Amino acid sequence: MNAETLVRTWFDRWTTGDFLDLPITDDFTHTSPFGTIAGKPAYLDLVRQNTDKFLGQTFTLHDALYADDKACVRYTARQGDSFSLDVSEWYYLRGGLIQKIVAYYHIGEVRQERRLTN
């Protein structure tokens, strides 16, 4: 599978809730502002324990770059009427599967000392 097909499969599986069949390697890692989850079993177990947070989302893909062994996608995830998250993710591929994802998004309020003024 090429990078674009893998990434589209990733989003399709999340949209349908078929997270047990994600196209990921056994040594898959996912890094986000919450930390790093190492290994396919650990990742799937985390999702299984938190299906209310992971499943039932829709995705709007805004931009994507694809190379032979990696991809970068910017998208908005929505769940219900009250949750929306803008995300940029790098996907690193190996052997026709996703080996690693590094996700960037904002998870909380901006501290007062970091706010911009004008």
PDB file of N, CA and C in Angstrom:
ATOM      1  N   MET A   1       0.829  -1.182   0.000  1.00  0.00           N
ATOM      2  CA  MET A   1       0.000   0.000   0.000  1.00  0.00           C
ATOM      3  C   MET A   1       0.872   1.244   0.000  1.00  0.00           C
ATOM      4  N   ASN A   2       0.494   2.242  -0.793  1.00  0.00           N
ATOM      5  CA  ASN A   2       1.266   3.485  -0.776  1.00  0.00           C
ATOM      6  C   ASN A   2       0.800   4.359   0.397  1.00  0.00           C
ATOM      7  N   ALA A   3       1.516   5.462   0.628  1.00  0.00           N
ATOM      8  CA  ALA A   3       1.252   6.309   1.796  1.00  0.00           C
ATOM      9  C   ALA A   3      -0.176   6.856   1.795  1.00  0.00           C
ATOM     10  N   GLU A   4      -0.642   7.326   0.668  1.00  0.00           N
ATOM     11  CA  GLU A   4      -1.986   7.899   0.629  1.00  0.00           C
ATOM     12  C   GLU A   4      -3.050   6.845   0.944  1.00  0.00           C
ATOM     13  N   THR A   5      -2.913   5.666   0.380  1.00  0.00           N
ATOM     14  CA  THR A   5      -3.874   4.592   0.639  1.00  0.00           C
ATOM     15  C   THR A   5      -3.852   4.183   2.109  1.00  0.00           C
ATOM     16  N   LEU A   6      -2.658   4.100   2.707  1.00  0.00           N
ATOM     17  CA  LEU A   6      -2.555   3.743   4.130  1.00  0.00           C
ATOM     18  C   LEU A   6      -3.235   4.783   5.015  1.00  0.00           C
ATOM     19  N   VAL A   7      -2.968   6.052   4.743  1.00  0.00           N
ATOM     20  CA  VAL A   7      -3.560   7.113   5.554  1.00  0.00           C
ATOM     21  C   VAL A   7      -5.075   7.128   5.392  1.00  0.00           C
ATOM     22  N   ARG A   8      -5.561   6.964   4.177  1.00  0.00           N
ATOM     23  CA  ARG A   8      -7.014   6.932   3.959  1.00  0.00           C
ATOM     24  C   ARG A   8      -7.643   5.708   4.646  1.00  0.00           C
ATOM     25  N   THR A   9      -6.938   4.588   4.624  1.00  0.00           N
ATOM     26  CA  THR A   9      -7.416   3.400   5.331  1.00  0.00           C
ATOM     27  C   THR A   9      -7.480   3.661   6.832  1.00  0.00           C
ATOM     28  N   TRP A  10      -6.449   4.314   7.371  1.00  0.00           N
ATOM     29  CA  TRP A  10      -6.425   4.690   8.785  1.00  0.00           C
ATOM     30  C   TRP A  10      -7.692   5.470   9.149  1.00  0.00           C
ATOM     31  N   PHE A  11      -7.991   6.525   8.388  1.00  0.00           N
ATOM     32  CA  PHE A  11      -9.168   7.345   8.689  1.00  0.00           C
ATOM     33  C   PHE A  11     -10.475   6.575   8.460  1.00  0.00           C
ATOM     34  N   ASP A  12     -10.515   5.747   7.434  1.00  0.00           N
ATOM     35  CA  ASP A  12     -11.721   4.940   7.179  1.00  0.00           C
ATOM     36  C   ASP A  12     -12.010   4.012   8.357  1.00  0.00           C
ATOM     37  N   ARG A  13     -10.974   3.380   8.890  1.00  0.00           N
ATOM     38  CA  ARG A  13     -11.157   2.440  10.006  1.00  0.00           C
ATOM     39  C   ARG A  13     -11.649   3.173  11.250  1.00  0.00           C
ATOM     40  N   TRP A  14     -11.129   4.375  11.494  1.00  0.00           N
ATOM     41  CA  TRP A  14     -11.612   5.150  12.636  1.00  0.00           C
ATOM     42  C   TRP A  14     -13.056   5.579  12.423  1.00  0.00           C
ATOM     43  N   THR A  15     -13.407   5.967  11.214  1.00  0.00           N
ATOM     44  CA  THR A  15     -14.763   6.416  10.917  1.00  0.00           C
ATOM     45  C   THR A  15     -15.772   5.286  11.127  1.00  0.00           C
ATOM     46  N   THR A  16     -15.391   4.072  10.742  1.00  0.00           N
ATOM     47  CA  THR A  16     -16.305   2.931  10.887  1.00  0.00           C
ATOM     48  C   THR A  16     -16.216   2.275  12.267  1.00  0.00           C
ATOM     49  N   GLY A  17     -15.229   2.661  13.066  1.00  0.00           N
ATOM     50  CA  GLY A  17     -15.056   2.064  14.385  1.00  0.00           C
ATOM     51  C   GLY A  17     -14.286   0.764  14.380  1.00  0.00           C
ATOM     52  N   ASP A  18     -13.666   0.430  13.254  1.00  0.00           N
ATOM     53  CA  ASP A  18     -12.935  -0.836  13.097  1.00  0.00           C
ATOM     54  C   ASP A  18     -11.481  -0.686  13.544  1.00  0.00           C
ATOM     55  N   PHE A  19     -11.286  -0.227  14.796  1.00  0.00           N
ATOM     56  CA  PHE A  19      -9.929   0.058  15.265  1.00  0.00           C
ATOM     57  C   PHE A  19      -9.078  -1.197  15.455  1.00  0.00           C
ATOM     58  N   LEU A  20      -9.680  -2.358  15.568  1.00  0.00           N
ATOM     59  CA  LEU A  20      -8.888  -3.580  15.723  1.00  0.00           C
ATOM     60  C   LEU A  20      -8.186  -3.978  14.433  1.00  0.00           C
ATOM     61  N   ASP A  21      -8.598  -3.380  13.314  1.00  0.00           N
ATOM     62  CA  ASP A  21      -8.002  -3.695  12.019  1.00  0.00           C
ATOM     63  C   ASP A  21      -7.239  -2.513  11.431  1.00  0.00           C
ATOM     64  N   LEU A  22      -6.686  -1.669  12.305  1.00  0.00           N
ATOM     65  CA  LEU A  22      -5.880  -0.543  11.819  1.00  0.00           C
ATOM     66  C   LEU A  22      -4.617  -1.063  11.134  1.00  0.00           C
ATOM     67  N   PRO A  23      -4.156  -0.392  10.082  1.00  0.00           N
ATOM     68  CA  PRO A  23      -2.967  -0.851   9.353  1.00  0.00           C
ATOM     69  C   PRO A  23      -1.675  -0.415  10.048  1.00  0.00           C
ATOM     70  N   ILE A  24      -1.407  -1.018  11.224  1.00  0.00           N
ATOM     71  CA  ILE A  24      -0.236  -0.635  12.016  1.00  0.00           C
ATOM     72  C   ILE A  24       0.649  -1.843  12.301  1.00  0.00           C
ATOM     73  N   THR A  25       1.940  -1.556  12.483  1.00  0.00           N
ATOM     74  CA  THR A  25       2.911  -2.601  12.784  1.00  0.00           C
ATOM     75  C   THR A  25       2.777  -3.045  14.237  1.00  0.00           C
ATOM     76  N   ASP A  26       3.338  -4.188  14.564  1.00  0.00           N
ATOM     77  CA  ASP A  26       3.318  -4.680  15.943  1.00  0.00           C
ATOM     78  C   ASP A  26       4.083  -3.752  16.883  1.00  0.00           C
ATOM     79  N   ASP A  27       5.122  -3.063  16.356  1.00  0.00           N
ATOM     80  CA  ASP A  27       5.901  -2.141  17.194  1.00  0.00           C
ATOM     81  C   ASP A  27       5.462  -0.678  16.997  1.00  0.00           C
ATOM     82  N   PHE A  28       4.232  -0.492  16.579  1.00  0.00           N
ATOM     83  CA  PHE A  28       3.653   0.834  16.360  1.00  0.00           C
ATOM     84  C   PHE A  28       3.806   1.713  17.597  1.00  0.00           C
ATOM     85  N   THR A  29       4.120   3.000  17.373  1.00  0.00           N
ATOM     86  CA  THR A  29       4.124   3.980  18.454  1.00  0.00           C
ATOM     87  C   THR A  29       3.295   5.182  18.039  1.00  0.00           C
ATOM     88  N   HIS A  30       2.618   5.748  19.009  1.00  0.00           N
ATOM     89  CA  HIS A  30       1.821   6.960  18.787  1.00  0.00           C
ATOM     90  C   HIS A  30       2.249   7.988  19.820  1.00  0.00           C
ATOM     91  N   THR A  31       2.743   9.126  19.337  1.00  0.00           N
ATOM     92  CA  THR A  31       3.188  10.201  20.211  1.00  0.00           C
ATOM     93  C   THR A  31       2.273  11.392  20.016  1.00  0.00           C
ATOM     94  N   SER A  32       1.796  11.944  21.135  1.00  0.00           N
ATOM     95  CA  SER A  32       0.906  13.100  21.114  1.00  0.00           C
ATOM     96  C   SER A  32       1.237  13.966  22.328  1.00  0.00           C
ATOM     97  N   PRO A  33       0.527  15.088  22.507  1.00  0.00           N
ATOM     98  CA  PRO A  33       0.760  15.875  23.718  1.00  0.00           C
ATOM     99  C   PRO A  33       0.499  15.100  25.016  1.00  0.00           C
ATOM    100  N   PHE A  34      -0.197  13.963  24.931  1.00  0.00           N
ATOM    101  CA  PHE A  34      -0.441  13.143  26.109  1.00  0.00           C
ATOM    102  C   PHE A  34       0.708  12.184  26.417  1.00  0.00           C
ATOM    103  N   GLY A  35       1.675  12.033  25.496  1.00  0.00           N
ATOM    104  CA  GLY A  35       2.791  11.125  25.702  1.00  0.00           C
ATOM    105  C   GLY A  35       2.896  10.129  24.567  1.00  0.00           C
ATOM    106  N   THR A  36       3.678   9.079  24.774  1.00  0.00           N
ATOM    107  CA  THR A  36       3.913   8.060  23.753  1.00  0.00           C
ATOM    108  C   THR A  36       3.338   6.726  24.214  1.00  0.00           C
ATOM    109  N   ILE A  37       2.619   6.092  23.315  1.00  0.00           N
ATOM    110  CA  ILE A  37       2.105   4.744  23.541  1.00  0.00           C
ATOM    111  C   ILE A  37       2.931   3.831  22.646  1.00  0.00           C
ATOM    112  N   ALA A  38       3.580   2.841  23.218  1.00  0.00           N
ATOM    113  CA  ALA A  38       4.476   1.970  22.467  1.00  0.00           C
ATOM    114  C   ALA A  38       3.899   0.570  22.343  1.00  0.00           C
ATOM    115  N   GLY A  39       3.804   0.100  21.094  1.00  0.00           N
ATOM    116  CA  GLY A  39       3.350  -1.252  20.814  1.00  0.00           C
ATOM    117  C   GLY A  39       1.878  -1.301  20.432  1.00  0.00           C
ATOM    118  N   LYS A  40       1.581  -2.114  19.428  1.00  0.00           N
ATOM    119  CA  LYS A  40       0.204  -2.276  18.958  1.00  0.00           C
ATOM    120  C   LYS A  40      -0.730  -2.747  20.068  1.00  0.00           C
ATOM    121  N   PRO A  41      -0.353  -3.764  20.864  1.00  0.00           N
ATOM    122  CA  PRO A  41      -1.267  -4.207  21.920  1.00  0.00           C
ATOM    123  C   PRO A  41      -1.601  -3.092  22.917  1.00  0.00           C
ATOM    124  N   ALA A  42      -0.614  -2.306  23.321  1.00  0.00           N
ATOM    125  CA  ALA A  42      -0.853  -1.220  24.275  1.00  0.00           C
ATOM    126  C   ALA A  42      -1.762  -0.153  23.669  1.00  0.00           C
ATOM    127  N   TYR A  43      -1.543   0.159  22.399  1.00  0.00           N
ATOM    128  CA  TYR A  43      -2.360   1.171  21.731  1.00  0.00           C
ATOM    129  C   TYR A  43      -3.814   0.706  21.620  1.00  0.00           C
ATOM    130  N   LEU A  44      -4.012  -0.515  21.147  1.00  0.00           N
ATOM    131  CA  LEU A  44      -5.374  -1.029  20.990  1.00  0.00           C
ATOM    132  C   LEU A  44      -6.075  -1.178  22.344  1.00  0.00           C
ATOM    133  N   ASP A  45      -5.324  -1.539  23.379  1.00  0.00           N
ATOM    134  CA  ASP A  45      -5.907  -1.655  24.707  1.00  0.00           C
ATOM    135  C   ASP A  45      -6.353  -0.289  25.224  1.00  0.00           C
ATOM    136  N   LEU A  46      -5.552   0.743  24.985  1.00  0.00           N
ATOM    137  CA  LEU A  46      -5.926   2.092  25.389  1.00  0.00           C
ATOM    138  C   LEU A  46      -7.206   2.535  24.685  1.00  0.00           C
ATOM    139  N   VAL A  47      -7.300   2.275  23.390  1.00  0.00           N
ATOM    140  CA  VAL A  47      -8.508   2.620  22.640  1.00  0.00           C
ATOM    141  C   VAL A  47      -9.699   1.838  23.192  1.00  0.00           C
ATOM    142  N   ARG A  48      -9.517   0.547  23.415  1.00  0.00           N
ATOM    143  CA  ARG A  48     -10.591  -0.310  23.923  1.00  0.00           C
ATOM    144  C   ARG A  48     -11.127   0.216  25.259  1.00  0.00           C
ATOM    145  N   GLN A  49     -10.244   0.706  26.107  1.00  0.00           N
ATOM    146  CA  GLN A  49     -10.649   1.217  27.417  1.00  0.00           C
ATOM    147  C   GLN A  49     -11.287   2.607  27.336  1.00  0.00           C
ATOM    148  N   ASN A  50     -11.131   3.289  26.202  1.00  0.00           N
ATOM    149  CA  ASN A  50     -11.607   4.663  26.058  1.00  0.00           C
ATOM    150  C   ASN A  50     -12.388   4.864  24.764  1.00  0.00           C
ATOM    151  N   THR A  51     -13.207   3.877  24.400  1.00  0.00           N
ATOM    152  CA  THR A  51     -13.926   3.975  23.124  1.00  0.00           C
ATOM    153  C   THR A  51     -14.807   5.217  23.050  1.00  0.00           C
ATOM    154  N   ASP A  52     -15.313   5.690  24.181  1.00  0.00           N
ATOM    155  CA  ASP A  52     -16.150   6.894  24.164  1.00  0.00           C
ATOM    156  C   ASP A  52     -15.381   8.123  23.687  1.00  0.00           C
ATOM    157  N   LYS A  53     -14.065   8.120  23.850  1.00  0.00           N
ATOM    158  CA  LYS A  53     -13.233   9.248  23.418  1.00  0.00           C
ATOM    159  C   LYS A  53     -12.680   9.048  22.006  1.00  0.00           C
ATOM    160  N   PHE A  54     -12.510   7.804  21.586  1.00  0.00           N
ATOM    161  CA  PHE A  54     -11.881   7.536  20.295  1.00  0.00           C
ATOM    162  C   PHE A  54     -12.874   7.296  19.159  1.00  0.00           C
ATOM    163  N   LEU A  55     -13.989   6.669  19.451  1.00  0.00           N
ATOM    164  CA  LEU A  55     -14.909   6.270  18.378  1.00  0.00           C
ATOM    165  C   LEU A  55     -16.021   7.301  18.190  1.00  0.00           C
ATOM    166  N   GLY A  56     -16.684   7.234  17.044  1.00  0.00           N
ATOM    167  CA  GLY A  56     -17.787   8.143  16.758  1.00  0.00           C
ATOM    168  C   GLY A  56     -17.345   9.499  16.255  1.00  0.00           C
ATOM    169  N   GLN A  57     -16.127   9.573  15.757  1.00  0.00           N
ATOM    170  CA  GLN A  57     -15.622  10.838  15.225  1.00  0.00           C
ATOM    171  C   GLN A  57     -15.775  10.893  13.711  1.00  0.00           C
ATOM    172  N   THR A  58     -15.864  12.110  13.211  1.00  0.00           N
ATOM    173  CA  THR A  58     -15.783  12.350  11.773  1.00  0.00           C
ATOM    174  C   THR A  58     -14.541  13.199  11.528  1.00  0.00           C
ATOM    175  N   PHE A  59     -14.015  13.107  10.326  1.00  0.00           N
ATOM    176  CA  PHE A  59     -12.759  13.782  10.017  1.00  0.00           C
ATOM    177  C   PHE A  59     -12.887  14.585   8.734  1.00  0.00           C
ATOM    178  N   THR A  60     -12.400  15.804   8.790  1.00  0.00           N
ATOM    179  CA  THR A  60     -12.289  16.643   7.604  1.00  0.00           C
ATOM    180  C   THR A  60     -10.808  16.843   7.337  1.00  0.00           C
ATOM    181  N   LEU A  61     -10.304  16.263   6.249  1.00  0.00           N
ATOM    182  CA  LEU A  61      -8.899  16.412   5.897  1.00  0.00           C
ATOM    183  C   LEU A  61      -8.724  17.706   5.114  1.00  0.00           C
ATOM    184  N   HIS A  62      -7.787  18.534   5.573  1.00  0.00           N
ATOM    185  CA  HIS A  62      -7.554  19.840   4.957  1.00  0.00           C
ATOM    186  C   HIS A  62      -6.351  19.828   4.012  1.00  0.00           C
ATOM    187  N   ASP A  63      -5.270  19.223   4.451  1.00  0.00           N
ATOM    188  CA  ASP A  63      -4.027  19.179   3.667  1.00  0.00           C
ATOM    189  C   ASP A  63      -3.352  17.838   3.885  1.00  0.00           C
ATOM    190  N   ALA A  64      -2.611  17.395   2.879  1.00  0.00           N
ATOM    191  CA  ALA A  64      -1.850  16.153   3.025  1.00  0.00           C
ATOM    192  C   ALA A  64      -0.641  16.189   2.110  1.00  0.00           C
ATOM    193  N   LEU A  65       0.450  15.650   2.602  1.00  0.00           N
ATOM    194  CA  LEU A  65       1.672  15.456   1.824  1.00  0.00           C
ATOM    195  C   LEU A  65       2.034  13.984   1.924  1.00  0.00           C
ATOM    196  N   TYR A  66       2.361  13.378   0.796  1.00  0.00           N
ATOM    197  CA  TYR A  66       2.673  11.952   0.782  1.00  0.00           C
ATOM    198  C   TYR A  66       4.042  11.726   0.145  1.00  0.00           C
ATOM    199  N   ALA A  67       4.841  10.878   0.764  1.00  0.00           N
ATOM    200  CA  ALA A  67       6.138  10.456   0.231  1.00  0.00           C
ATOM    201  C   ALA A  67       6.154   8.927   0.258  1.00  0.00           C
ATOM    202  N   ASP A  68       7.272   8.340  -0.127  1.00  0.00           N
ATOM    203  CA  ASP A  68       7.360   6.881  -0.170  1.00  0.00           C
ATOM    204  C   ASP A  68       7.187   6.238   1.206  1.00  0.00           C
ATOM    205  N   ASP A  69       7.801   6.833   2.233  1.00  0.00           N
ATOM    206  CA  ASP A  69       7.798   6.194   3.544  1.00  0.00           C
ATOM    207  C   ASP A  69       7.229   7.062   4.659  1.00  0.00           C
ATOM    208  N   LYS A  70       6.539   8.156   4.286  1.00  0.00           N
ATOM    209  CA  LYS A  70       5.915   8.994   5.300  1.00  0.00           C
ATOM    210  C   LYS A  70       4.838   9.861   4.684  1.00  0.00           C
ATOM    211  N   ALA A  71       4.032  10.436   5.566  1.00  0.00           N
ATOM    212  CA  ALA A  71       2.969  11.344   5.135  1.00  0.00           C
ATOM    213  C   ALA A  71       2.717  12.337   6.259  1.00  0.00           C
ATOM    214  N   CYS A  72       2.137  13.468   5.905  1.00  0.00           N
ATOM    215  CA  CYS A  72       1.717  14.451   6.893  1.00  0.00           C
ATOM    216  C   CYS A  72       0.309  14.895   6.517  1.00  0.00           C
ATOM    217  N   VAL A  73      -0.591  14.909   7.499  1.00  0.00           N
ATOM    218  CA  VAL A  73      -1.984  15.273   7.249  1.00  0.00           C
ATOM    219  C   VAL A  73      -2.424  16.287   8.302  1.00  0.00           C
ATOM    220  N   ARG A  74      -3.128  17.312   7.836  1.00  0.00           N
ATOM    221  CA  ARG A  74      -3.760  18.286   8.732  1.00  0.00           C
ATOM    222  C   ARG A  74      -5.261  18.086   8.611  1.00  0.00           C
ATOM    223  N   TYR A  75      -5.933  17.902   9.753  1.00  0.00           N
ATOM    224  CA  TYR A  75      -7.363  17.595   9.707  1.00  0.00           C
ATOM    225  C   TYR A  75      -8.076  18.143  10.935  1.00  0.00           C
ATOM    226  N   THR A  76      -9.399  18.138  10.868  1.00  0.00           N
ATOM    227  CA  THR A  76     -10.239  18.461  12.011  1.00  0.00           C
ATOM    228  C   THR A  76     -11.046  17.214  12.361  1.00  0.00           C
ATOM    229  N   ALA A  77     -10.987  16.820  13.621  1.00  0.00           N
ATOM    230  CA  ALA A  77     -11.793  15.698  14.130  1.00  0.00           C
ATOM    231  C   ALA A  77     -12.971  16.290  14.892  1.00  0.00           C
ATOM    232  N   ARG A  78     -14.145  15.721  14.657  1.00  0.00           N
ATOM    233  CA  ARG A  78     -15.350  16.152  15.368  1.00  0.00           C
ATOM    234  C   ARG A  78     -16.049  14.928  15.957  1.00  0.00           C
ATOM    235  N   GLN A  79     -16.590  15.136  17.155  1.00  0.00           N
ATOM    236  CA  GLN A  79     -17.377  14.090  17.811  1.00  0.00           C
ATOM    237  C   GLN A  79     -18.591  14.778  18.424  1.00  0.00           C
ATOM    238  N   GLY A  80     -19.761  14.464  17.890  1.00  0.00           N
ATOM    239  CA  GLY A  80     -20.976  15.116  18.359  1.00  0.00           C
ATOM    240  C   GLY A  80     -20.971  16.601  18.019  1.00  0.00           C
ATOM    241  N   ASP A  81     -21.756  17.372  18.768  1.00  0.00           N
ATOM    242  CA  ASP A  81     -21.855  18.812  18.523  1.00  0.00           C
ATOM    243  C   ASP A  81     -20.884  19.635  19.343  1.00  0.00           C
ATOM    244  N   SER A  82     -20.238  19.014  20.335  1.00  0.00           N
ATOM    245  CA  SER A  82     -19.452  19.809  21.273  1.00  0.00           C
ATOM    246  C   SER A  82     -17.948  19.598  21.203  1.00  0.00           C
ATOM    247  N   PHE A  83     -17.474  18.629  20.423  1.00  0.00           N
ATOM    248  CA  PHE A  83     -16.029  18.367  20.395  1.00  0.00           C
ATOM    249  C   PHE A  83     -15.474  18.576  19.002  1.00  0.00           C
ATOM    250  N   SER A  84     -14.424  19.391  18.922  1.00  0.00           N
ATOM    251  CA  SER A  84     -13.718  19.628  17.669  1.00  0.00           C
ATOM    252  C   SER A  84     -12.240  19.801  18.001  1.00  0.00           C
ATOM    253  N   LEU A  85     -11.377  19.154  17.220  1.00  0.00           N
ATOM    254  CA  LEU A  85      -9.936  19.216  17.469  1.00  0.00           C
ATOM    255  C   LEU A  85      -9.202  19.332  16.144  1.00  0.00           C
ATOM    256  N   ASP A  86      -8.369  20.366  16.019  1.00  0.00           N
ATOM    257  CA  ASP A  86      -7.528  20.542  14.839  1.00  0.00           C
ATOM    258  C   ASP A  86      -6.191  19.856  15.091  1.00  0.00           C
ATOM    259  N   VAL A  87      -5.798  18.993  14.152  1.00  0.00           N
ATOM    260  CA  VAL A  87      -4.639  18.123  14.348  1.00  0.00           C
ATOM    261  C   VAL A  87      -3.736  18.155  13.116  1.00  0.00           C
ATOM    262  N   SER A  88      -2.438  18.086  13.360  1.00  0.00           N
ATOM    263  CA  SER A  88      -1.462  17.794  12.313  1.00  0.00           C
ATOM    264  C   SER A  88      -0.720  16.543  12.751  1.00  0.00           C
ATOM    265  N   GLU A  89      -0.618  15.562  11.840  1.00  0.00           N
ATOM    266  CA  GLU A  89       0.035  14.296  12.176  1.00  0.00           C
ATOM    267  C   GLU A  89       1.031  13.897  11.105  1.00  0.00           C
ATOM    268  N   TRP A  90       2.154  13.373  11.575  1.00  0.00           N
ATOM    269  CA  TRP A  90       3.137  12.736  10.704  1.00  0.00           C
ATOM    270  C   TRP A  90       2.974  11.229  10.843  1.00  0.00           C
ATOM    271  N   TYR A  91       2.938  10.552   9.718  1.00  0.00           N
ATOM    272  CA  TYR A  91       2.829   9.096   9.655  1.00  0.00           C
ATOM    273  C   TYR A  91       4.129   8.563   9.068  1.00  0.00           C
ATOM    274  N   TYR A  92       4.740   7.600   9.743  1.00  0.00           N
ATOM    275  CA  TYR A  92       5.965   6.967   9.264  1.00  0.00           C
ATOM    276  C   TYR A  92       5.634   5.511   8.948  1.00  0.00           C
ATOM    277  N   LEU A  93       6.003   5.076   7.760  1.00  0.00           N
ATOM    278  CA  LEU A  93       5.559   3.794   7.234  1.00  0.00           C
ATOM    279  C   LEU A  93       6.694   2.784   7.144  1.00  0.00           C
ATOM    280  N   ARG A  94       6.329   1.511   7.276  1.00  0.00           N
ATOM    281  CA  ARG A  94       7.290   0.421   7.096  1.00  0.00           C
ATOM    282  C   ARG A  94       6.539  -0.824   6.667  1.00  0.00           C
ATOM    283  N   GLY A  95       6.987  -1.436   5.594  1.00  0.00           N
ATOM    284  CA  GLY A  95       6.425  -2.707   5.151  1.00  0.00           C
ATOM    285  C   GLY A  95       4.944  -2.651   4.827  1.00  0.00           C
ATOM    286  N   GLY A  96       4.469  -1.544   4.291  1.00  0.00           N
ATOM    287  CA  GLY A  96       3.065  -1.428   3.917  1.00  0.00           C
ATOM    288  C   GLY A  96       2.120  -1.162   5.082  1.00  0.00           C
ATOM    289  N   LEU A  97       2.693  -0.783   6.239  1.00  0.00           N
ATOM    290  CA  LEU A  97       1.898  -0.470   7.422  1.00  0.00           C
ATOM    291  C   LEU A  97       2.405   0.824   8.058  1.00  0.00           C
ATOM    292  N   ILE A  98       1.626   1.377   8.962  1.00  0.00           N
ATOM    293  CA  ILE A  98       2.050   2.560   9.705  1.00  0.00           C
ATOM    294  C   ILE A  98       2.836   2.097  10.926  1.00  0.00           C
ATOM    295  N   GLN A  99       4.070   2.563  11.029  1.00  0.00           N
ATOM    296  CA  GLN A  99       4.921   2.179  12.155  1.00  0.00           C
ATOM    297  C   GLN A  99       4.855   3.206  13.288  1.00  0.00           C
ATOM    298  N   LYS A 100       4.680   4.487  12.915  1.00  0.00           N
ATOM    299  CA  LYS A 100       4.729   5.523  13.940  1.00  0.00           C
ATOM    300  C   LYS A 100       3.880   6.705  13.500  1.00  0.00           C
ATOM    301  N   ILE A 101       3.207   7.319  14.466  1.00  0.00           N
ATOM    302  CA  ILE A 101       2.490   8.567  14.241  1.00  0.00           C
ATOM    303  C   ILE A 101       2.946   9.554  15.305  1.00  0.00           C
ATOM    304  N   VAL A 102       3.215  10.779  14.860  1.00  0.00           N
ATOM    305  CA  VAL A 102       3.520  11.877  15.777  1.00  0.00           C
ATOM    306  C   VAL A 102       2.451  12.935  15.536  1.00  0.00           C
ATOM    307  N   ALA A 103       1.630  13.177  16.557  1.00  0.00           N
ATOM    308  CA  ALA A 103       0.481  14.073  16.440  1.00  0.00           C
ATOM    309  C   ALA A 103       0.730  15.373  17.191  1.00  0.00           C
ATOM    310  N   TYR A 104       0.270  16.470  16.578  1.00  0.00           N
ATOM    311  CA  TYR A 104       0.394  17.794  17.172  1.00  0.00           C
ATOM    312  C   TYR A 104      -0.994  18.417  17.262  1.00  0.00           C
ATOM    313  N   TYR A 105      -1.370  18.809  18.494  1.00  0.00           N
ATOM    314  CA  TYR A 105      -2.634  19.517  18.711  1.00  0.00           C
ATOM    315  C   TYR A 105      -2.607  20.157  20.086  1.00  0.00           C
ATOM    316  N   HIS A 106      -3.518  21.092  20.288  1.00  0.00           N
ATOM    317  CA  HIS A 106      -3.607  21.824  21.543  1.00  0.00           C
ATOM    318  C   HIS A 106      -4.587  21.107  22.475  1.00  0.00           C
ATOM    319  N   ILE A 107      -4.184  20.854  23.717  1.00  0.00           N
ATOM    320  CA  ILE A 107      -5.041  20.080  24.616  1.00  0.00           C
ATOM    321  C   ILE A 107      -5.554  20.863  25.816  1.00  0.00           C
ATOM    322  N   GLY A 108      -5.345  22.164  25.846  1.00  0.00           N
ATOM    323  CA  GLY A 108      -5.836  22.886  27.019  1.00  0.00           C
ATOM    324  C   GLY A 108      -5.762  24.381  26.849  1.00  0.00           C
ATOM    325  N   GLU A 109      -6.073  25.055  27.905  1.00  0.00           N
ATOM    326  CA  GLU A 109      -6.040  26.506  27.902  1.00  0.00           C
ATOM    327  C   GLU A 109      -4.595  27.002  27.810  1.00  0.00           C
ATOM    328  N   VAL A 110      -4.423  28.148  27.204  1.00  0.00           N
ATOM    329  CA  VAL A 110      -3.111  28.784  27.143  1.00  0.00           C
ATOM    330  C   VAL A 110      -2.874  29.476  28.485  1.00  0.00           C
ATOM    331  N   ARG A 111      -1.738  29.175  29.099  1.00  0.00           N
ATOM    332  CA  ARG A 111      -1.409  29.812  30.375  1.00  0.00           C
ATOM    333  C   ARG A 111      -1.373  31.322  30.204  1.00  0.00           C
ATOM    334  N   GLN A 112      -1.742  32.061  31.227  1.00  0.00           N
ATOM    335  CA  GLN A 112      -1.818  33.514  31.164  1.00  0.00           C
ATOM    336  C   GLN A 112      -0.503  34.123  30.683  1.00  0.00           C
ATOM    337  N   GLU A 113       0.618  33.624  31.196  1.00  0.00           N
ATOM    338  CA  GLU A 113       1.919  34.213  30.828  1.00  0.00           C
ATOM    339  C   GLU A 113       2.315  33.920  29.379  1.00  0.00           C
ATOM    340  N   ARG A 114       1.614  33.010  28.705  1.00  0.00           N
ATOM    341  CA  ARG A 114       1.914  32.679  27.311  1.00  0.00           C
ATOM    342  C   ARG A 114       0.945  33.336  26.328  1.00  0.00           C
ATOM    343  N   ARG A 115      -0.065  34.027  26.831  1.00  0.00           N
ATOM    344  CA  ARG A 115      -1.043  34.673  25.946  1.00  0.00           C
ATOM    345  C   ARG A 115      -0.431  35.876  25.259  1.00  0.00           C
ATOM    346  N   LEU A 116      -0.850  36.081  24.014  1.00  0.00           N
ATOM    347  CA  LEU A 116      -0.374  37.223  23.234  1.00  0.00           C
ATOM    348  C   LEU A 116      -1.217  38.446  23.549  1.00  0.00           C
ATOM    349  N   THR A 117      -0.585  39.587  23.531  1.00  0.00           N
ATOM    350  CA  THR A 117      -1.307  40.833  23.727  1.00  0.00           C
ATOM    351  C   THR A 117      -1.074  41.737  22.538  1.00  0.00           C
ATOM    352  N   ASN A 118      -1.995  42.658  22.336  1.00  0.00           N
ATOM    353  CA  ASN A 118      -1.786  43.639  21.238  1.00  0.00           C
ATOM    354  C   ASN A 118      -2.254  44.995  21.657  1.00  0.00           C
TER     355      ASN A 118
END
